[in-house]
Amino acid sequence: MSQEKVDKYKKEKANRKQIMRKERMMGIVRKAVLSVVAIALVGWIAYSAYDIYDSNKERAVAEVDYTAVSDYLNSLSQ
């Protein structure tokens, strides 16, 4: 091996713990980000499905009789 390769190997060996720790942390960060994205995607799909289900349900309709109000307003204008 050339002296360059030997020096490179020694430097890498000296910093191996830091390199391994850095790679491990990047793996954890990558997994965390992917987990957050997956949870957000599942939540969005669930919310969309519930919204579609809820929009298809029949809504209660209330009918209001305004004759008393109309009579009162007519009595005021006379």
N, C-alpha and C. Protein backbone atom coordinates (compact mmCIF):
# COMPACT_ATOMS: atom_id res chain seq x y z
N MET A 1 0.84 -1.18 0.00
CA MET A 1 0.00 0.00 0.00
C MET A 1 0.88 1.24 0.00
N SER A 2 0.36 2.26 -0.62
CA SER A 2 1.11 3.51 -0.65
C SER A 2 0.95 4.21 0.70
N GLN A 3 1.83 5.14 0.92
CA GLN A 3 1.81 5.87 2.20
C GLN A 3 0.50 6.65 2.35
N GLU A 4 -0.04 7.13 1.24
CA GLU A 4 -1.30 7.86 1.25
C GLU A 4 -2.42 6.99 1.79
N LYS A 5 -2.51 5.77 1.29
CA LYS A 5 -3.55 4.84 1.72
C LYS A 5 -3.38 4.48 3.20
N VAL A 6 -2.15 4.31 3.61
CA VAL A 6 -1.87 3.97 5.01
C VAL A 6 -2.32 5.11 5.91
N ASP A 7 -1.98 6.34 5.55
CA ASP A 7 -2.37 7.50 6.35
C ASP A 7 -3.90 7.64 6.39
N LYS A 8 -4.53 7.42 5.27
CA LYS A 8 -5.99 7.51 5.20
C LYS A 8 -6.63 6.46 6.10
N TYR A 9 -6.09 5.25 6.07
CA TYR A 9 -6.62 4.15 6.89
C TYR A 9 -6.45 4.47 8.38
N LYS A 10 -5.30 5.00 8.75
CA LYS A 10 -5.05 5.34 10.16
C LYS A 10 -6.00 6.44 10.63
N LYS A 11 -6.22 7.44 9.77
CA LYS A 11 -7.11 8.54 10.13
C LYS A 11 -8.55 8.01 10.29
N GLU A 12 -8.95 7.15 9.38
CA GLU A 12 -10.30 6.58 9.45
C GLU A 12 -10.46 5.71 10.70
N LYS A 13 -9.44 4.94 11.01
CA LYS A 13 -9.49 4.07 12.19
C LYS A 13 -9.56 4.90 13.46
N ALA A 14 -8.85 6.01 13.52
CA ALA A 14 -8.85 6.88 14.69
C ALA A 14 -10.23 7.52 14.90
N ASN A 15 -10.93 7.82 13.81
CA ASN A 15 -12.22 8.49 13.91
C ASN A 15 -13.40 7.54 13.72
N ARG A 16 -13.15 6.25 13.80
CA ARG A 16 -14.19 5.27 13.51
C ARG A 16 -15.39 5.40 14.45
N LYS A 17 -15.15 5.66 15.74
CA LYS A 17 -16.27 5.78 16.69
C LYS A 17 -17.15 6.98 16.35
N GLN A 18 -16.54 8.10 16.03
CA GLN A 18 -17.32 9.28 15.67
C GLN A 18 -18.08 9.04 14.37
N ILE A 19 -17.46 8.39 13.41
CA ILE A 19 -18.11 8.12 12.13
C ILE A 19 -19.30 7.19 12.34
N MET A 20 -19.11 6.15 13.14
CA MET A 20 -20.21 5.20 13.40
C MET A 20 -21.35 5.90 14.16
N ARG A 21 -21.02 6.75 15.13
CA ARG A 21 -22.04 7.48 15.89
C ARG A 21 -22.82 8.41 14.96
N LYS A 22 -22.10 9.08 14.07
CA LYS A 22 -22.75 10.00 13.13
C LYS A 22 -23.68 9.23 12.18
N GLU A 23 -23.23 8.09 11.68
CA GLU A 23 -24.08 7.28 10.79
C GLU A 23 -25.31 6.77 11.53
N ARG A 24 -25.12 6.35 12.80
CA ARG A 24 -26.24 5.86 13.60
C ARG A 24 -27.27 6.98 13.84
N MET A 25 -26.78 8.17 14.15
CA MET A 25 -27.69 9.30 14.38
C MET A 25 -28.45 9.67 13.10
N MET A 26 -27.76 9.64 11.97
CA MET A 26 -28.44 9.94 10.71
C MET A 26 -29.51 8.89 10.40
N GLY A 27 -29.25 7.64 10.74
CA GLY A 27 -30.25 6.60 10.56
C GLY A 27 -31.46 6.83 11.44
N ILE A 28 -31.23 7.25 12.68
CA ILE A 28 -32.34 7.53 13.60
C ILE A 28 -33.14 8.72 13.10
N VAL A 29 -32.46 9.76 12.66
CA VAL A 29 -33.16 10.95 12.14
C VAL A 29 -33.97 10.59 10.91
N ARG A 30 -33.40 9.80 10.03
CA ARG A 30 -34.10 9.38 8.81
C ARG A 30 -35.36 8.59 9.17
N LYS A 31 -35.25 7.66 10.13
CA LYS A 31 -36.41 6.87 10.55
C LYS A 31 -37.47 7.76 11.19
N ALA A 32 -37.06 8.74 11.99
CA ALA A 32 -38.01 9.63 12.64
C ALA A 32 -38.76 10.46 11.61
N VAL A 33 -38.05 11.00 10.64
CA VAL A 33 -38.70 11.82 9.60
C VAL A 33 -39.68 10.97 8.79
N LEU A 34 -39.26 9.77 8.42
CA LEU A 34 -40.15 8.89 7.66
C LEU A 34 -41.37 8.50 8.49
N SER A 35 -41.19 8.30 9.79
CA SER A 35 -42.33 7.98 10.67
C SER A 35 -43.32 9.13 10.73
N VAL A 36 -42.82 10.34 10.88
CA VAL A 36 -43.71 11.51 10.93
C VAL A 36 -44.47 11.66 9.62
N VAL A 37 -43.79 11.47 8.51
CA VAL A 37 -44.44 11.57 7.20
C VAL A 37 -45.50 10.48 7.05
N ALA A 38 -45.18 9.26 7.48
CA ALA A 38 -46.14 8.16 7.38
C ALA A 38 -47.36 8.41 8.25
N ILE A 39 -47.15 8.91 9.46
CA ILE A 39 -48.27 9.20 10.36
C ILE A 39 -49.13 10.31 9.78
N ALA A 40 -48.51 11.33 9.21
CA ALA A 40 -49.26 12.42 8.60
C ALA A 40 -50.08 11.91 7.41
N LEU A 41 -49.50 11.05 6.61
CA LEU A 41 -50.20 10.49 5.45
C LEU A 41 -51.39 9.64 5.88
N VAL A 42 -51.20 8.79 6.87
CA VAL A 42 -52.30 7.96 7.37
C VAL A 42 -53.39 8.83 7.97
N GLY A 43 -53.01 9.86 8.72
CA GLY A 43 -53.99 10.78 9.30
C GLY A 43 -54.78 11.50 8.22
N TRP A 44 -54.11 11.94 7.18
CA TRP A 44 -54.79 12.65 6.09
C TRP A 44 -55.77 11.72 5.37
N ILE A 45 -55.35 10.49 5.13
CA ILE A 45 -56.24 9.53 4.47
C ILE A 45 -57.45 9.24 5.35
N ALA A 46 -57.23 9.07 6.65
CA ALA A 46 -58.34 8.80 7.58
C ALA A 46 -59.29 9.99 7.63
N TYR A 47 -58.76 11.20 7.68
CA TYR A 47 -59.61 12.38 7.73
C TYR A 47 -60.43 12.51 6.44
N SER A 48 -59.80 12.26 5.30
CA SER A 48 -60.51 12.33 4.02
C SER A 48 -61.62 11.29 3.95
N ALA A 49 -61.33 10.08 4.42
CA ALA A 49 -62.35 9.02 4.40
C ALA A 49 -63.52 9.39 5.31
N TYR A 50 -63.23 9.94 6.49
CA TYR A 50 -64.31 10.34 7.40
C TYR A 50 -65.11 11.49 6.80
N ASP A 51 -64.44 12.42 6.15
CA ASP A 51 -65.14 13.55 5.53
C ASP A 51 -66.08 13.07 4.42
N ILE A 52 -65.64 12.12 3.63
CA ILE A 52 -66.50 11.56 2.58
C ILE A 52 -67.68 10.83 3.21
N TYR A 53 -67.42 10.05 4.27
CA TYR A 53 -68.49 9.34 4.96
C TYR A 53 -69.49 10.32 5.56
N ASP A 54 -68.98 11.37 6.19
CA ASP A 54 -69.85 12.35 6.85
C ASP A 54 -70.66 13.16 5.83
N SER A 55 -70.10 13.43 4.67
CA SER A 55 -70.82 14.22 3.67
C SER A 55 -71.95 13.41 3.02
N ASN A 56 -71.87 12.09 3.08
CA ASN A 56 -72.91 11.25 2.49
C ASN A 56 -74.07 11.00 3.45
N LYS A 57 -73.91 11.34 4.71
CA LYS A 57 -74.99 11.14 5.67
C LYS A 57 -76.08 12.18 5.44
N GLU A 58 -77.33 11.76 5.73
CA GLU A 58 -78.46 12.67 5.57
C GLU A 58 -78.47 13.66 6.72
N ARG A 59 -78.65 14.91 6.40
CA ARG A 59 -78.65 15.95 7.43
C ARG A 59 -80.08 16.26 7.85
N ALA A 60 -80.26 16.57 9.12
CA ALA A 60 -81.57 16.92 9.64
C ALA A 60 -81.92 18.33 9.15
N VAL A 61 -83.14 18.48 8.68
CA VAL A 61 -83.60 19.77 8.17
C VAL A 61 -84.64 20.32 9.14
N ALA A 62 -84.45 21.55 9.53
CA ALA A 62 -85.39 22.19 10.44
C ALA A 62 -86.21 23.20 9.64
N GLU A 63 -87.50 23.18 9.85
CA GLU A 63 -88.37 24.10 9.15
C GLU A 63 -88.86 25.14 10.14
N VAL A 64 -88.74 26.39 9.78
CA VAL A 64 -89.11 27.49 10.67
C VAL A 64 -90.33 28.20 10.10
N ASP A 65 -91.27 28.48 10.98
CA ASP A 65 -92.49 29.18 10.60
C ASP A 65 -92.33 30.65 10.98
N TYR A 66 -92.28 31.51 9.98
CA TYR A 66 -92.07 32.93 10.20
C TYR A 66 -93.38 33.73 10.14
N THR A 67 -94.50 33.09 10.20
CA THR A 67 -95.77 33.83 10.07
C THR A 67 -95.96 34.80 11.22
N ALA A 68 -95.57 34.45 12.42
CA ALA A 68 -95.73 35.35 13.56
C ALA A 68 -94.86 36.60 13.37
N VAL A 69 -93.66 36.43 12.87
CA VAL A 69 -92.78 37.57 12.65
C VAL A 69 -93.35 38.44 11.52
N SER A 70 -93.83 37.82 10.48
CA SER A 70 -94.41 38.57 9.36
C SER A 70 -95.64 39.35 9.82
N ASP A 71 -96.48 38.71 10.62
CA ASP A 71 -97.66 39.41 11.14
C ASP A 71 -97.27 40.59 12.00
N TYR A 72 -96.26 40.41 12.83
CA TYR A 72 -95.81 41.50 13.70
C TYR A 72 -95.26 42.66 12.87
N LEU A 73 -94.46 42.36 11.88
CA LEU A 73 -93.90 43.42 11.02
C LEU A 73 -95.00 44.13 10.23
N ASN A 74 -95.99 43.39 9.78
CA ASN A 74 -97.12 44.00 9.07
C ASN A 74 -97.93 44.90 9.99
N SER A 75 -98.07 44.49 11.25
CA SER A 75 -98.82 45.32 12.20
C SER A 75 -98.05 46.59 12.51
N LEU A 76 -96.72 46.56 12.48
CA LEU A 76 -95.92 47.75 12.73
C LEU A 76 -96.00 48.71 11.55
N SER A 77 -96.07 48.21 10.35
CA SER A 77 -96.07 49.08 9.18
C SER A 77 -97.44 49.72 8.94
N GLN A 78 -98.50 49.18 9.55
CA GLN A 78 -99.85 49.73 9.33
C GLN A 78 -100.14 50.87 10.22
